[in-house]
Amino acid sequence: MQLQVGMVVEGKVTGITKFGAFVTMPDGKSGLVHISEIANTFVNDVHDYVQEGQTVKVRVLSIADDGKINLSIKKAEEPAPGARPERRAPRAPSSAPRPYASGRQSVPPANGPSGDQSFEDKLKHFMQESDSRMADNKMYSDHRTSRRRK
């Protein structure tokens, strides 16, 4: 079987390093799954996701002229290039506090029996938050500019 870019094949993990895992395909060729291509989340240790001897599905990302094969485990589950991606419903906005809100967490009270806010209340909250951030940014930039003039 001739490997081609975009193919999904099963292979066996033959070695694990701090930067990825080596996978041997059925035709005997070996390729590297880089640590960034192991999972869709941050991978600190490859051993947390794969073990030596494990059989995994991999997608061929590229084949270099010198024979090096780049593989991906996380893209093996995705549709092939050119295939129609599945449509996903949009996510609802998160009400979790934002880390850049500089300590001010002003959550406006919910109105109405269903807990929904009116558009005007949401707009008012947005404008207050925006004005506060703009003032913080201006103060920070003025402080930096005044330091350079001296």
Protein backbone atom coordinates (compact mmCIF):
# COMPACT_ATOMS: atom_id res chain seq x y z
CA MET A 1 0.00 0.00 0.00
CA GLN A 2 1.42 3.36 -1.05
CA LEU A 3 1.01 6.09 1.59
CA GLN A 4 -0.46 9.39 0.42
CA VAL A 5 -1.05 12.69 2.17
CA GLY A 6 -4.52 12.72 3.73
CA MET A 7 -4.81 8.96 4.19
CA VAL A 8 -6.02 7.59 7.51
CA VAL A 9 -4.30 4.35 8.52
CA GLU A 10 -3.89 2.31 11.67
CA GLY A 11 -0.45 2.01 13.14
CA LYS A 12 1.33 0.81 16.23
CA VAL A 13 3.10 3.16 18.64
CA THR A 14 6.72 2.00 18.69
CA GLY A 15 8.39 4.79 20.63
CA ILE A 16 7.52 7.79 22.77
CA THR A 17 9.67 10.88 23.26
CA LYS A 18 9.04 14.20 24.98
CA PHE A 19 8.17 15.77 21.61
CA GLY A 20 5.88 13.07 20.21
CA ALA A 21 5.29 9.43 19.37
CA PHE A 22 6.69 7.23 16.62
CA VAL A 23 4.11 5.10 14.83
CA THR A 24 4.82 2.18 12.47
CA MET A 25 2.26 1.67 9.70
CA PRO A 26 1.24 -1.71 8.23
CA ASP A 27 3.64 -1.31 5.27
CA GLY A 28 6.58 -1.11 7.69
CA LYS A 29 7.20 2.62 7.32
CA SER A 30 7.46 4.71 10.45
CA GLY A 31 6.36 8.28 11.08
CA LEU A 32 6.20 10.85 13.85
CA VAL A 33 3.11 12.18 15.57
CA HIS A 34 4.27 15.53 16.99
CA ILE A 35 3.07 16.37 20.50
CA SER A 36 0.86 19.13 19.05
CA GLU A 37 -0.93 16.52 16.90
CA ILE A 38 -1.69 14.03 19.71
CA ALA A 39 -4.94 15.57 21.02
CA ASN A 40 -7.16 18.62 20.67
CA THR A 41 -6.16 19.76 24.16
CA PHE A 42 -2.81 20.84 25.58
CA VAL A 43 -0.53 17.83 25.91
CA ASN A 44 2.08 18.14 28.61
CA ASP A 45 3.17 14.49 28.61
CA VAL A 46 2.68 12.19 25.61
CA HIS A 47 2.49 9.19 27.96
CA ASP A 48 -0.87 10.51 29.23
CA TYR A 49 -2.42 9.89 25.78
CA VAL A 50 -0.60 6.94 24.18
CA GLN A 51 1.46 3.97 25.31
CA GLU A 52 4.01 1.88 23.44
CA GLY A 53 2.39 -1.03 21.64
CA GLN A 54 -0.98 0.76 21.38
CA THR A 55 -2.76 0.70 18.02
CA VAL A 56 -3.86 4.17 16.89
CA LYS A 57 -5.50 5.73 13.85
CA VAL A 58 -3.32 8.39 12.24
CA ARG A 59 -3.69 10.77 9.29
CA VAL A 60 -0.70 11.33 7.01
CA LEU A 61 0.04 15.08 7.09
CA SER A 62 3.12 15.14 4.88
CA ILE A 63 5.81 12.98 3.38
CA ALA A 64 9.19 14.67 2.98
CA ASP A 65 11.61 13.95 0.13
CA ASP A 66 13.97 12.27 2.58
CA GLY A 67 11.21 9.83 3.62
CA LYS A 68 10.15 11.45 6.90
CA ILE A 69 6.42 11.05 7.50
CA ASN A 70 4.46 13.52 9.64
CA LEU A 71 1.33 12.06 11.23
CA SER A 72 -1.61 13.30 13.30
CA ILE A 73 -3.84 11.43 15.72
CA LYS A 74 -6.20 14.33 16.36
CA LYS A 75 -6.83 14.91 12.65
CA ALA A 76 -7.48 11.21 12.01
CA GLU A 77 -10.97 11.67 13.42
CA GLU A 78 -11.70 14.75 11.30
CA PRO A 79 -13.15 14.42 7.80
CA ALA A 80 -10.72 14.20 4.89
CA PRO A 81 -9.69 17.48 3.19
CA GLY A 82 -12.38 18.51 0.73
CA ALA A 83 -15.11 16.60 2.57
CA ARG A 84 -18.03 18.57 3.94
CA PRO A 85 -17.50 19.37 7.61
CA GLU A 86 -20.38 18.62 9.92
CA ARG A 87 -22.35 21.63 11.05
CA ARG A 88 -22.27 22.39 14.72
CA ALA A 89 -24.73 24.47 16.65
CA PRO A 90 -23.27 27.76 17.90
CA ARG A 91 -22.27 27.77 21.53
CA ALA A 92 -24.12 29.95 23.98
CA PRO A 93 -21.99 32.80 25.37
CA SER A 94 -20.32 31.92 28.63
CA SER A 95 -21.24 33.84 31.73
CA ALA A 96 -17.91 33.00 33.37
CA PRO A 97 -15.89 36.00 34.55
CA ARG A 98 -13.23 37.22 32.16
CA PRO A 99 -9.63 37.24 33.41
CA TYR A 100 -8.91 40.69 31.93
CA ALA A 101 -11.71 42.44 33.77
CA SER A 102 -9.11 43.79 36.23
CA GLY A 103 -10.80 42.46 39.34
CA ARG A 104 -14.14 44.21 38.76
CA GLN A 105 -16.85 41.63 38.41
CA SER A 106 -20.11 43.46 38.08
CA VAL A 107 -22.80 41.02 37.15
CA PRO A 108 -26.06 42.86 36.54
CA PRO A 109 -29.15 41.46 38.24
CA ALA A 110 -31.46 39.29 36.17
CA ASN A 111 -34.79 40.84 35.27
CA GLY A 112 -38.14 39.22 34.63
CA PRO A 113 -39.52 35.86 35.62
CA SER A 114 -37.27 33.92 33.23
CA GLY A 115 -34.09 35.65 34.41
CA ASP A 116 -33.47 37.32 31.05
CA GLN A 117 -32.20 40.87 30.79
CA SER A 118 -33.65 43.40 28.47
CA PHE A 119 -31.56 44.64 25.58
CA GLU A 120 -31.20 48.07 27.22
CA ASP A 121 -29.82 46.50 30.42
CA LYS A 122 -27.31 44.44 28.46
CA LEU A 123 -26.28 47.49 26.45
CA LYS A 124 -25.91 49.60 29.60
CA HIS A 125 -23.73 46.92 31.22
CA PHE A 126 -21.61 46.60 28.07
CA MET A 127 -21.08 50.37 27.84
CA GLN A 128 -20.08 50.63 31.52
CA GLU A 129 -17.62 47.77 31.18
CA SER A 130 -16.25 49.21 27.93
CA ASP A 131 -15.81 52.71 29.38
CA SER A 132 -14.02 51.25 32.39
CA ARG A 133 -11.60 49.28 30.22
CA MET A 134 -10.99 52.25 27.95
CA ALA A 135 -10.11 54.41 30.97
CA ASP A 136 -7.73 51.73 32.26
CA ASN A 137 -6.04 51.47 28.86
CA LYS A 138 -5.71 55.24 28.53
CA MET A 139 -4.24 55.56 32.01
CA TYR A 140 -1.75 52.78 31.26
CA SER A 141 -0.69 54.27 27.92
CA ASP A 142 -0.40 57.80 29.38
CA HIS A 143 1.76 56.46 32.18
CA ARG A 144 4.08 54.72 29.72
CA THR A 145 4.26 57.77 27.43
CA SER A 146 5.10 60.15 30.30
CA ARG A 147 7.94 57.88 31.37
CA ARG A 148 9.53 58.02 27.91
CA ARG A 149 9.50 61.81 27.69
CA LYS A 150 11.81 62.28 30.68
